């Protein structure tokens, strides 16, 4: 992991919850991208993806309970991306989102 990723990691305000959730995202070019979200907070996520994504790239990610969210790539390394959500998820909705992900919705 590069220094930029470590610096970003240290600035996190909320801890991440471990999940294993497959979903789809749409990149800025309108292409559909498969994601495996491996951790999540109300402000961001880390996912595995089949292709590289540029830092600063925005994508629309489909999530249960909250619908579509816009995520900005903060780091990308070896098929993994770390994203910050452009708008944090309300905590009440976030807990419902986690419950739905665990249930496999």
PDB file of N, CA and C in Angstrom:
ATOM      1  N   UNK A   1       0.856  -1.166   0.000  1.00  0.00           N
ATOM      2  CA  UNK A   1       0.000   0.000   0.000  1.00  0.00           C
ATOM      3  C   UNK A   1       0.899   1.225   0.000  1.00  0.00           C
ATOM      4  N   UNK A   2       0.605   2.195  -0.864  1.00  0.00           N
ATOM      5  CA  UNK A   2       1.426   3.378  -0.984  1.00  0.00           C
ATOM      6  C   UNK A   2       1.217   4.347   0.160  1.00  0.00           C
ATOM      7  N   UNK A   3       2.103   5.329   0.248  1.00  0.00           N
ATOM      8  CA  UNK A   3       2.028   6.329   1.317  1.00  0.00           C
ATOM      9  C   UNK A   3       0.729   7.113   1.261  1.00  0.00           C
ATOM     10  N   UNK A   4       0.227   7.417   0.059  1.00  0.00           N
ATOM     11  CA  UNK A   4      -1.026   8.165  -0.063  1.00  0.00           C
ATOM     12  C   UNK A   4      -2.182   7.372   0.537  1.00  0.00           C
ATOM     13  N   UNK A   5      -2.212   6.068   0.296  1.00  0.00           N
ATOM     14  CA  UNK A   5      -3.268   5.236   0.855  1.00  0.00           C
ATOM     15  C   UNK A   5      -3.170   5.179   2.374  1.00  0.00           C
ATOM     16  N   UNK A   6      -1.976   5.076   2.892  1.00  0.00           N
ATOM     17  CA  UNK A   6      -1.793   5.061   4.343  1.00  0.00           C
ATOM     18  C   UNK A   6      -2.219   6.380   4.956  1.00  0.00           C
ATOM     19  N   UNK A   7      -1.856   7.486   4.322  1.00  0.00           N
ATOM     20  CA  UNK A   7      -2.231   8.798   4.849  1.00  0.00           C
ATOM     21  C   UNK A   7      -3.747   8.937   4.867  1.00  0.00           C
ATOM     22  N   UNK A   8      -4.404   8.481   3.806  1.00  0.00           N
ATOM     23  CA  UNK A   8      -5.867   8.555   3.761  1.00  0.00           C
ATOM     24  C   UNK A   8      -6.468   7.670   4.843  1.00  0.00           C
ATOM     25  N   UNK A   9      -5.948   6.470   4.991  1.00  0.00           N
ATOM     26  CA  UNK A   9      -6.431   5.518   5.980  1.00  0.00           C
ATOM     27  C   UNK A   9      -6.396   6.121   7.382  1.00  0.00           C
ATOM     28  N   UNK A  10      -5.368   6.859   7.695  1.00  0.00           N
ATOM     29  CA  UNK A  10      -5.214   7.425   9.027  1.00  0.00           C
ATOM     30  C   UNK A  10      -6.195   8.554   9.302  1.00  0.00           C
ATOM     31  N   UNK A  11      -6.787   9.136   8.250  1.00  0.00           N
ATOM     32  CA  UNK A  11      -7.706  10.253   8.430  1.00  0.00           C
ATOM     33  C   UNK A  11      -9.156   9.809   8.591  1.00  0.00           C
ATOM     34  N   UNK A  12      -9.425   8.542   8.550  1.00  0.00           N
ATOM     35  CA  UNK A  12     -10.802   8.066   8.674  1.00  0.00           C
ATOM     36  C   UNK A  12     -11.410   8.501   9.983  1.00  0.00           C
ATOM     37  N   UNK A  13     -12.643   8.996   9.903  1.00  0.00           N
ATOM     38  CA  UNK A  13     -13.343   9.423  11.105  1.00  0.00           C
ATOM     39  C   UNK A  13     -14.133   8.287  11.743  1.00  0.00           C
ATOM     40  N   UNK A  14     -14.608   7.361  10.912  1.00  0.00           N
ATOM     41  CA  UNK A  14     -15.418   6.249  11.407  1.00  0.00           C
ATOM     42  C   UNK A  14     -14.743   4.926  11.091  1.00  0.00           C
ATOM     43  N   UNK A  15     -14.820   3.970  12.012  1.00  0.00           N
ATOM     44  CA  UNK A  15     -14.268   2.645  11.701  1.00  0.00           C
ATOM     45  C   UNK A  15     -15.115   1.975  10.621  1.00  0.00           C
ATOM     46  N   UNK A  16     -14.527   1.048   9.914  1.00  0.00           N
ATOM     47  CA  UNK A  16     -15.232   0.326   8.859  1.00  0.00           C
ATOM     48  C   UNK A  16     -15.780  -0.990   9.409  1.00  0.00           C
ATOM     49  N   UNK A  17     -16.933  -1.387   8.891  1.00  0.00           N
ATOM     50  CA  UNK A  17     -17.530  -2.678   9.222  1.00  0.00           C
ATOM     51  C   UNK A  17     -17.196  -3.652   8.095  1.00  0.00           C
ATOM     52  N   UNK A  18     -16.771  -4.855   8.463  1.00  0.00           N
ATOM     53  CA  UNK A  18     -16.429  -5.878   7.479  1.00  0.00           C
ATOM     54  C   UNK A  18     -17.712  -6.444   6.879  1.00  0.00           C
ATOM     55  N   UNK A  19     -17.769  -6.495   5.571  1.00  0.00           N
ATOM     56  CA  UNK A  19     -18.918  -7.074   4.861  1.00  0.00           C
ATOM     57  C   UNK A  19     -18.385  -7.881   3.686  1.00  0.00           C
ATOM     58  N   UNK A  20     -19.253  -8.581   3.012  1.00  0.00           N
ATOM     59  CA  UNK A  20     -18.924  -9.324   1.792  1.00  0.00           C
ATOM     60  C   UNK A  20     -20.166  -9.213   0.930  1.00  0.00           C
ATOM     61  N   UNK A  21     -20.240  -8.131   0.131  1.00  0.00           N
ATOM     62  CA  UNK A  21     -21.470  -7.820  -0.589  1.00  0.00           C
ATOM     63  C   UNK A  21     -21.174  -7.513  -2.048  1.00  0.00           C
ATOM     64  N   UNK A  22     -21.791  -8.290  -2.935  1.00  0.00           N
ATOM     65  CA  UNK A  22     -21.626  -8.062  -4.376  1.00  0.00           C
ATOM     66  C   UNK A  22     -22.691  -7.085  -4.870  1.00  0.00           C
ATOM     67  N   UNK A  23     -22.237  -6.110  -5.665  1.00  0.00           N
ATOM     68  CA  UNK A  23     -23.155  -5.137  -6.228  1.00  0.00           C
ATOM     69  C   UNK A  23     -22.609  -4.627  -7.554  1.00  0.00           C
ATOM     70  N   UNK A  24     -23.299  -3.673  -8.140  1.00  0.00           N
ATOM     71  CA  UNK A  24     -22.889  -3.065  -9.400  1.00  0.00           C
ATOM     72  C   UNK A  24     -22.705  -1.569  -9.175  1.00  0.00           C
ATOM     73  N   UNK A  25     -21.833  -1.016  -9.977  1.00  0.00           N
ATOM     74  CA  UNK A  25     -21.626   0.428  -9.993  1.00  0.00           C
ATOM     75  C   UNK A  25     -21.630   0.874 -11.449  1.00  0.00           C
ATOM     76  N   UNK A  26     -21.858   2.153 -11.661  1.00  0.00           N
ATOM     77  CA  UNK A  26     -21.778   2.742 -12.988  1.00  0.00           C
ATOM     78  C   UNK A  26     -20.686   3.799 -12.936  1.00  0.00           C
ATOM     79  N   UNK A  27     -19.709   3.695 -13.846  1.00  0.00           N
ATOM     80  CA  UNK A  27     -18.626   4.679 -13.838  1.00  0.00           C
ATOM     81  C   UNK A  27     -19.050   5.926 -14.615  1.00  0.00           C
ATOM     82  N   UNK A  28     -18.184   6.925 -14.645  1.00  0.00           N
ATOM     83  CA  UNK A  28     -18.491   8.202 -15.294  1.00  0.00           C
ATOM     84  C   UNK A  28     -18.784   8.034 -16.778  1.00  0.00           C
ATOM     85  N   UNK A  29     -18.250   7.009 -17.397  1.00  0.00           N
ATOM     86  CA  UNK A  29     -18.497   6.736 -18.808  1.00  0.00           C
ATOM     87  C   UNK A  29     -19.767   5.947 -19.060  1.00  0.00           C
ATOM     88  N   UNK A  30     -20.523   5.635 -18.005  1.00  0.00           N
ATOM     89  CA  UNK A  30     -21.767   4.895 -18.141  1.00  0.00           C
ATOM     90  C   UNK A  30     -21.605   3.389 -18.194  1.00  0.00           C
ATOM     91  N   UNK A  31     -20.375   2.901 -17.983  1.00  0.00           N
ATOM     92  CA  UNK A  31     -20.118   1.456 -17.999  1.00  0.00           C
ATOM     93  C   UNK A  31     -20.474   0.841 -16.649  1.00  0.00           C
ATOM     94  N   UNK A  32     -21.062  -0.352 -16.714  1.00  0.00           N
ATOM     95  CA  UNK A  32     -21.394  -1.090 -15.506  1.00  0.00           C
ATOM     96  C   UNK A  32     -20.155  -1.829 -15.019  1.00  0.00           C
ATOM     97  N   UNK A  33     -19.918  -1.787 -13.720  1.00  0.00           N
ATOM     98  CA  UNK A  33     -18.746  -2.409 -13.115  1.00  0.00           C
ATOM     99  C   UNK A  33     -19.207  -3.264 -11.932  1.00  0.00           C
ATOM    100  N   UNK A  34     -18.725  -4.495 -11.849  1.00  0.00           N
ATOM    101  CA  UNK A  34     -19.019  -5.340 -10.698  1.00  0.00           C
ATOM    102  C   UNK A  34     -18.112  -4.968  -9.531  1.00  0.00           C
ATOM    103  N   UNK A  35     -18.673  -4.933  -8.342  1.00  0.00           N
ATOM    104  CA  UNK A  35     -17.900  -4.647  -7.129  1.00  0.00           C
ATOM    105  C   UNK A  35     -18.188  -5.705  -6.074  1.00  0.00           C
ATOM    106  N   UNK A  36     -17.177  -6.041  -5.302  1.00  0.00           N
ATOM    107  CA  UNK A  36     -17.349  -6.828  -4.091  1.00  0.00           C
ATOM    108  C   UNK A  36     -16.937  -5.908  -2.948  1.00  0.00           C
ATOM    109  N   UNK A  37     -17.916  -5.381  -2.230  1.00  0.00           N
ATOM    110  CA  UNK A  37     -17.625  -4.484  -1.105  1.00  0.00           C
ATOM    111  C   UNK A  37     -17.148  -5.338   0.055  1.00  0.00           C
ATOM    112  N   UNK A  38     -15.951  -5.016   0.574  1.00  0.00           N
ATOM    113  CA  UNK A  38     -15.379  -5.813   1.663  1.00  0.00           C
ATOM    114  C   UNK A  38     -15.390  -5.085   3.003  1.00  0.00           C
ATOM    115  N   UNK A  39     -15.452  -3.764   2.974  1.00  0.00           N
ATOM    116  CA  UNK A  39     -15.692  -3.035   4.216  1.00  0.00           C
ATOM    117  C   UNK A  39     -16.381  -1.727   3.902  1.00  0.00           C
ATOM    118  N   UNK A  40     -17.036  -1.180   4.920  1.00  0.00           N
ATOM    119  CA  UNK A  40     -17.946  -0.073   4.698  1.00  0.00           C
ATOM    120  C   UNK A  40     -18.075   0.760   5.962  1.00  0.00           C
ATOM    121  N   UNK A  41     -18.271   2.050   5.794  1.00  0.00           N
ATOM    122  CA  UNK A  41     -18.682   2.934   6.878  1.00  0.00           C
ATOM    123  C   UNK A  41     -19.730   3.868   6.292  1.00  0.00           C
ATOM    124  N   UNK A  42     -20.278   4.736   7.105  1.00  0.00           N
ATOM    125  CA  UNK A  42     -21.264   5.693   6.615  1.00  0.00           C
ATOM    126  C   UNK A  42     -20.627   6.712   5.672  1.00  0.00           C
ATOM    127  N   UNK A  43     -19.280   6.741   5.621  1.00  0.00           N
ATOM    128  CA  UNK A  43     -18.582   7.732   4.797  1.00  0.00           C
ATOM    129  C   UNK A  43     -17.762   7.146   3.657  1.00  0.00           C
ATOM    130  N   UNK A  44     -17.611   5.821   3.608  1.00  0.00           N
ATOM    131  CA  UNK A  44     -16.776   5.266   2.555  1.00  0.00           C
ATOM    132  C   UNK A  44     -16.827   3.755   2.494  1.00  0.00           C
ATOM    133  N   UNK A  45     -16.062   3.212   1.555  1.00  0.00           N
ATOM    134  CA  UNK A  45     -16.034   1.768   1.376  1.00  0.00           C
ATOM    135  C   UNK A  45     -14.732   1.342   0.713  1.00  0.00           C
ATOM    136  N   UNK A  46     -14.423   0.063   0.872  1.00  0.00           N
ATOM    137  CA  UNK A  46     -13.354  -0.565   0.112  1.00  0.00           C
ATOM    138  C   UNK A  46     -13.981  -1.713  -0.649  1.00  0.00           C
ATOM    139  N   UNK A  47     -13.574  -1.858  -1.922  1.00  0.00           N
ATOM    140  CA  UNK A  47     -14.156  -2.913  -2.752  1.00  0.00           C
ATOM    141  C   UNK A  47     -13.093  -3.541  -3.630  1.00  0.00           C
ATOM    142  N   UNK A  48     -13.359  -4.760  -4.035  1.00  0.00           N
ATOM    143  CA  UNK A  48     -12.559  -5.442  -5.055  1.00  0.00           C
ATOM    144  C   UNK A  48     -13.289  -5.228  -6.373  1.00  0.00           C
ATOM    145  N   UNK A  49     -12.504  -5.024  -7.424  1.00  0.00           N
ATOM    146  CA  UNK A  49     -13.075  -4.736  -8.732  1.00  0.00           C
ATOM    147  C   UNK A  49     -12.198  -5.359  -9.818  1.00  0.00           C
ATOM    148  N   UNK A  50     -12.791  -5.759 -10.942  1.00  0.00           N
ATOM    149  CA  UNK A  50     -12.010  -6.453 -11.969  1.00  0.00           C
ATOM    150  C   UNK A  50     -11.091  -5.545 -12.789  1.00  0.00           C
ATOM    151  N   UNK A  51     -11.199  -4.242 -12.644  1.00  0.00           N
ATOM    152  CA  UNK A  51     -10.328  -3.360 -13.425  1.00  0.00           C
ATOM    153  C   UNK A  51      -9.841  -2.199 -12.576  1.00  0.00           C
ATOM    154  N   UNK A  52      -8.801  -1.543 -13.063  1.00  0.00           N
ATOM    155  CA  UNK A  52      -8.247  -0.397 -12.349  1.00  0.00           C
ATOM    156  C   UNK A  52      -9.155   0.816 -12.484  1.00  0.00           C
ATOM    157  N   UNK A  53      -9.125   1.650 -11.469  1.00  0.00           N
ATOM    158  CA  UNK A  53      -9.890   2.900 -11.460  1.00  0.00           C
ATOM    159  C   UNK A  53      -8.941   4.018 -11.068  1.00  0.00           C
ATOM    160  N   UNK A  54      -9.091   5.153 -11.707  1.00  0.00           N
ATOM    161  CA  UNK A  54      -8.222   6.296 -11.436  1.00  0.00           C
ATOM    162  C   UNK A  54      -8.644   7.002 -10.155  1.00  0.00           C
ATOM    163  N   UNK A  55      -7.657   7.466  -9.398  1.00  0.00           N
ATOM    164  CA  UNK A  55      -7.939   8.287  -8.225  1.00  0.00           C
ATOM    165  C   UNK A  55      -8.710   9.514  -8.699  1.00  0.00           C
ATOM    166  N   UNK A  56      -9.782   9.836  -8.006  1.00  0.00           N
ATOM    167  CA  UNK A  56     -10.637  10.956  -8.378  1.00  0.00           C
ATOM    168  C   UNK A  56     -11.845  10.542  -9.204  1.00  0.00           C
ATOM    169  N   UNK A  57     -11.814   9.325  -9.766  1.00  0.00           N
ATOM    170  CA  UNK A  57     -12.954   8.838 -10.549  1.00  0.00           C
ATOM    171  C   UNK A  57     -14.174   8.710  -9.640  1.00  0.00           C
ATOM    172  N   UNK A  58     -15.325   9.090 -10.169  1.00  0.00           N
ATOM    173  CA  UNK A  58     -16.576   8.944  -9.422  1.00  0.00           C
ATOM    174  C   UNK A  58     -17.408   7.847 -10.043  1.00  0.00           C
ATOM    175  N   UNK A  59     -18.077   7.102  -9.192  1.00  0.00           N
ATOM    176  CA  UNK A  59     -18.966   6.061  -9.674  1.00  0.00           C
ATOM    177  C   UNK A  59     -20.221   6.053  -8.817  1.00  0.00           C
ATOM    178  N   UNK A  60     -21.300   5.613  -9.417  1.00  0.00           N
ATOM    179  CA  UNK A  60     -22.566   5.477  -8.707  1.00  0.00           C
ATOM    180  C   UNK A  60     -22.698   4.017  -8.298  1.00  0.00           C
ATOM    181  N   UNK A  61     -22.777   3.784  -6.992  1.00  0.00           N
ATOM    182  CA  UNK A  61     -22.818   2.436  -6.433  1.00  0.00           C
ATOM    183  C   UNK A  61     -24.234   2.153  -5.937  1.00  0.00           C
ATOM    184  N   UNK A  62     -24.760   0.991  -6.290  1.00  0.00           N
ATOM    185  CA  UNK A  62     -26.095   0.584  -5.850  1.00  0.00           C
ATOM    186  C   UNK A  62     -25.989  -0.194  -4.546  1.00  0.00           C
ATOM    187  N   UNK A  63     -26.712   0.279  -3.527  1.00  0.00           N
ATOM    188  CA  UNK A  63     -26.707  -0.357  -2.211  1.00  0.00           C
ATOM    189  C   UNK A  63     -28.136  -0.635  -1.762  1.00  0.00           C
ATOM    190  N   UNK A  64     -28.338  -1.694  -0.959  1.00  0.00           N
ATOM    191  CA  UNK A  64     -29.679  -1.922  -0.416  1.00  0.00           C
ATOM    192  C   UNK A  64     -30.047  -0.797   0.562  1.00  0.00           C
ATOM    193  N   UNK A  65     -31.299  -0.616   0.794  1.00  0.00           N
ATOM    194  CA  UNK A  65     -31.872   0.358   1.728  1.00  0.00           C
ATOM    195  C   UNK A  65     -31.682   1.807   1.263  1.00  0.00           C
ATOM    196  N   UNK A  66     -30.461   2.218   0.960  1.00  0.00           N
ATOM    197  CA  UNK A  66     -30.205   3.624   0.635  1.00  0.00           C
ATOM    198  C   UNK A  66     -30.238   3.913  -0.864  1.00  0.00           C
ATOM    199  N   UNK A  67     -30.231   2.889  -1.700  1.00  0.00           N
ATOM    200  CA  UNK A  67     -30.269   3.105  -3.146  1.00  0.00           C
ATOM    201  C   UNK A  67     -28.895   3.437  -3.700  1.00  0.00           C
ATOM    202  N   UNK A  68     -28.841   4.398  -4.588  1.00  0.00           N
ATOM    203  CA  UNK A  68     -27.586   4.772  -5.247  1.00  0.00           C
ATOM    204  C   UNK A  68     -26.838   5.834  -4.455  1.00  0.00           C
ATOM    205  N   UNK A  69     -25.530   5.633  -4.331  1.00  0.00           N
ATOM    206  CA  UNK A  69     -24.658   6.622  -3.697  1.00  0.00           C
ATOM    207  C   UNK A  69     -23.509   6.914  -4.655  1.00  0.00           C
ATOM    208  N   UNK A  70     -22.963   8.101  -4.548  1.00  0.00           N
ATOM    209  CA  UNK A  70     -21.815   8.455  -5.378  1.00  0.00           C
ATOM    210  C   UNK A  70     -20.556   8.289  -4.542  1.00  0.00           C
ATOM    211  N   UNK A  71     -19.619   7.516  -5.074  1.00  0.00           N
ATOM    212  CA  UNK A  71     -18.360   7.228  -4.384  1.00  0.00           C
ATOM    213  C   UNK A  71     -17.212   7.747  -5.238  1.00  0.00           C
ATOM    214  N   UNK A  72     -16.274   8.420  -4.597  1.00  0.00           N
ATOM    215  CA  UNK A  72     -15.087   8.933  -5.285  1.00  0.00           C
ATOM    216  C   UNK A  72     -13.885   8.084  -4.895  1.00  0.00           C
ATOM    217  N   UNK A  73     -13.179   7.578  -5.894  1.00  0.00           N
ATOM    218  CA  UNK A  73     -12.014   6.732  -5.646  1.00  0.00           C
ATOM    219  C   UNK A  73     -10.910   7.579  -5.029  1.00  0.00           C
ATOM    220  N   UNK A  74     -10.416   7.159  -3.867  1.00  0.00           N
ATOM    221  CA  UNK A  74      -9.319   7.849  -3.171  1.00  0.00           C
ATOM    222  C   UNK A  74      -7.999   7.122  -3.362  1.00  0.00           C
ATOM    223  N   UNK A  75      -8.069   5.802  -3.574  1.00  0.00           N
ATOM    224  CA  UNK A  75      -6.873   5.020  -3.891  1.00  0.00           C
ATOM    225  C   UNK A  75      -7.303   3.780  -4.658  1.00  0.00           C
ATOM    226  N   UNK A  76      -6.377   3.261  -5.441  1.00  0.00           N
ATOM    227  CA  UNK A  76      -6.623   2.076  -6.258  1.00  0.00           C
ATOM    228  C   UNK A  76      -5.336   1.275  -6.306  1.00  0.00           C
ATOM    229  N   UNK A  77      -5.424  -0.012  -5.975  1.00  0.00           N
ATOM    230  CA  UNK A  77      -4.223  -0.827  -5.918  1.00  0.00           C
ATOM    231  C   UNK A  77      -4.581  -2.295  -6.133  1.00  0.00           C
ATOM    232  N   UNK A  78      -4.072  -2.891  -7.186  1.00  0.00           N
ATOM    233  CA  UNK A  78      -4.203  -4.325  -7.413  1.00  0.00           C
ATOM    234  C   UNK A  78      -5.608  -4.878  -7.364  1.00  0.00           C
ATOM    235  N   UNK A  79      -6.557  -4.211  -8.010  1.00  0.00           N
ATOM    236  CA  UNK A  79      -7.924  -4.706  -8.013  1.00  0.00           C
ATOM    237  C   UNK A  79      -8.733  -4.320  -6.795  1.00  0.00           C
ATOM    238  N   UNK A  80      -8.189  -3.448  -5.969  1.00  0.00           N
ATOM    239  CA  UNK A  80      -8.917  -2.941  -4.802  1.00  0.00           C
ATOM    240  C   UNK A  80      -9.024  -1.428  -4.911  1.00  0.00           C
ATOM    241  N   UNK A  81     -10.142  -0.883  -4.456  1.00  0.00           N
ATOM    242  CA  UNK A  81     -10.303   0.563  -4.428  1.00  0.00           C
ATOM    243  C   UNK A  81     -10.832   0.989  -3.069  1.00  0.00           C
ATOM    244  N   UNK A  82     -10.401   2.154  -2.644  1.00  0.00           N
ATOM    245  CA  UNK A  82     -10.930   2.791  -1.448  1.00  0.00           C
ATOM    246  C   UNK A  82     -11.670   4.025  -1.905  1.00  0.00           C
ATOM    247  N   UNK A  83     -12.910   4.164  -1.473  1.00  0.00           N
ATOM    248  CA  UNK A  83     -13.747   5.268  -1.923  1.00  0.00           C
ATOM    249  C   UNK A  83     -14.316   6.051  -0.749  1.00  0.00           C
ATOM    250  N   UNK A  84     -14.474   7.343  -0.968  1.00  0.00           N
ATOM    251  CA  UNK A  84     -15.166   8.212  -0.032  1.00  0.00           C
ATOM    252  C   UNK A  84     -16.511   8.553  -0.648  1.00  0.00           C
ATOM    253  N   UNK A  85     -17.570   8.456   0.131  1.00  0.00           N
ATOM    254  CA  UNK A  85     -18.890   8.816  -0.368  1.00  0.00           C
ATOM    255  C   UNK A  85     -19.001  10.331  -0.418  1.00  0.00           C
ATOM    256  N   UNK A  86     -19.604  10.849  -1.473  1.00  0.00           N
ATOM    257  CA  UNK A  86     -19.726  12.309  -1.596  1.00  0.00           C
ATOM    258  C   UNK A  86     -20.713  12.869  -0.581  1.00  0.00           C
ATOM    259  N   UNK A  87     -21.600  11.989  -0.094  1.00  0.00           N
ATOM    260  CA  UNK A  87     -22.575  12.375   0.919  1.00  0.00           C
ATOM    261  C   UNK A  87     -22.672  11.240   1.924  1.00  0.00           C
ATOM    262  N   UNK A  88     -22.358  11.479   3.192  1.00  0.00           N
ATOM    263  CA  UNK A  88     -22.420  10.393   4.179  1.00  0.00           C
ATOM    264  C   UNK A  88     -23.831   9.813   4.283  1.00  0.00           C
ATOM    265  N   UNK A  89     -23.895   8.534   4.616  1.00  0.00           N
ATOM    266  CA  UNK A  89     -25.179   7.860   4.826  1.00  0.00           C
ATOM    267  C   UNK A  89     -25.648   8.166   6.241  1.00  0.00           C
ATOM    268  N   UNK A  90     -26.911   8.539   6.386  1.00  0.00           N
ATOM    269  CA  UNK A  90     -27.512   8.771   7.696  1.00  0.00           C
ATOM    270  C   UNK A  90     -27.333   7.506   8.543  1.00  0.00           C
ATOM    271  N   UNK A  91     -26.955   7.666   9.805  1.00  0.00           N
ATOM    272  CA  UNK A  91     -26.629   6.491  10.631  1.00  0.00           C
ATOM    273  C   UNK A  91     -27.784   5.519  10.793  1.00  0.00           C
ATOM    274  N   UNK A  92     -29.023   5.994  10.904  1.00  0.00           N
ATOM    275  CA  UNK A  92     -30.163   5.075  11.008  1.00  0.00           C
ATOM    276  C   UNK A  92     -30.263   4.233   9.734  1.00  0.00           C
ATOM    277  N   UNK A  93     -30.106   4.862   8.574  1.00  0.00           N
ATOM    278  CA  UNK A  93     -30.124   4.132   7.311  1.00  0.00           C
ATOM    279  C   UNK A  93     -28.918   3.210   7.197  1.00  0.00           C
ATOM    280  N   UNK A  94     -27.782   3.650   7.728  1.00  0.00           N
ATOM    281  CA  UNK A  94     -26.563   2.839   7.654  1.00  0.00           C
ATOM    282  C   UNK A  94     -26.748   1.503   8.377  1.00  0.00           C
ATOM    283  N   UNK A  95     -27.354   1.529   9.555  1.00  0.00           N
ATOM    284  CA  UNK A  95     -27.558   0.279  10.292  1.00  0.00           C
ATOM    285  C   UNK A  95     -28.537  -0.639   9.555  1.00  0.00           C
ATOM    286  N   UNK A  96     -29.538  -0.067   8.907  1.00  0.00           N
ATOM    287  CA  UNK A  96     -30.444  -0.862   8.074  1.00  0.00           C
ATOM    288  C   UNK A  96     -29.718  -1.450   6.878  1.00  0.00           C
ATOM    289  N   UNK A  97     -28.815  -0.663   6.291  1.00  0.00           N
ATOM    290  CA  UNK A  97     -27.991  -1.119   5.172  1.00  0.00           C
ATOM    291  C   UNK A  97     -27.133  -2.311   5.580  1.00  0.00           C
ATOM    292  N   UNK A  98     -26.465  -2.201   6.727  1.00  0.00           N
ATOM    293  CA  UNK A  98     -25.645  -3.320   7.210  1.00  0.00           C
ATOM    294  C   UNK A  98     -26.479  -4.577   7.413  1.00  0.00           C
ATOM    295  N   UNK A  99     -27.654  -4.424   8.012  1.00  0.00           N
ATOM    296  CA  UNK A  99     -28.535  -5.576   8.262  1.00  0.00           C
ATOM    297  C   UNK A  99     -28.932  -6.222   6.936  1.00  0.00           C
ATOM    298  N   UNK A 100     -29.246  -5.409   5.916  1.00  0.00           N
ATOM    299  CA  UNK A 100     -29.634  -5.939   4.612  1.00  0.00           C
ATOM    300  C   UNK A 100     -28.462  -6.654   3.938  1.00  0.00           C
ATOM    301  N   UNK A 101     -27.254  -6.113   4.087  1.00  0.00           N
ATOM    302  CA  UNK A 101     -26.092  -6.745   3.486  1.00  0.00           C
ATOM    303  C   UNK A 101     -25.813  -8.100   4.120  1.00  0.00           C
ATOM    304  N   UNK A 102     -25.944  -8.177   5.413  1.00  0.00           N
ATOM    305  CA  UNK A 102     -25.723  -9.434   6.125  1.00  0.00           C
ATOM    306  C   UNK A 102     -26.780 -10.461   5.709  1.00  0.00           C
ATOM    307  N   UNK A 103     -28.010  -9.990   5.483  1.00  0.00           N
ATOM    308  CA  UNK A 103     -29.103 -10.879   5.083  1.00  0.00           C
ATOM    309  C   UNK A 103     -28.990 -11.280   3.617  1.00  0.00           C
ATOM    310  N   UNK A 104     -28.089 -10.613   2.886  1.00  0.00           N
ATOM    311  CA  UNK A 104     -27.863 -10.959   1.486  1.00  0.00           C
ATOM    312  C   UNK A 104     -28.858 -10.336   0.519  1.00  0.00           C
ATOM    313  N   UNK A 105     -29.486  -9.246   0.923  1.00  0.00           N
ATOM    314  CA  UNK A 105     -30.464  -8.590   0.044  1.00  0.00           C
ATOM    315  C   UNK A 105     -29.796  -7.851  -1.086  1.00  0.00           C
TER     316      UNK A 105
END
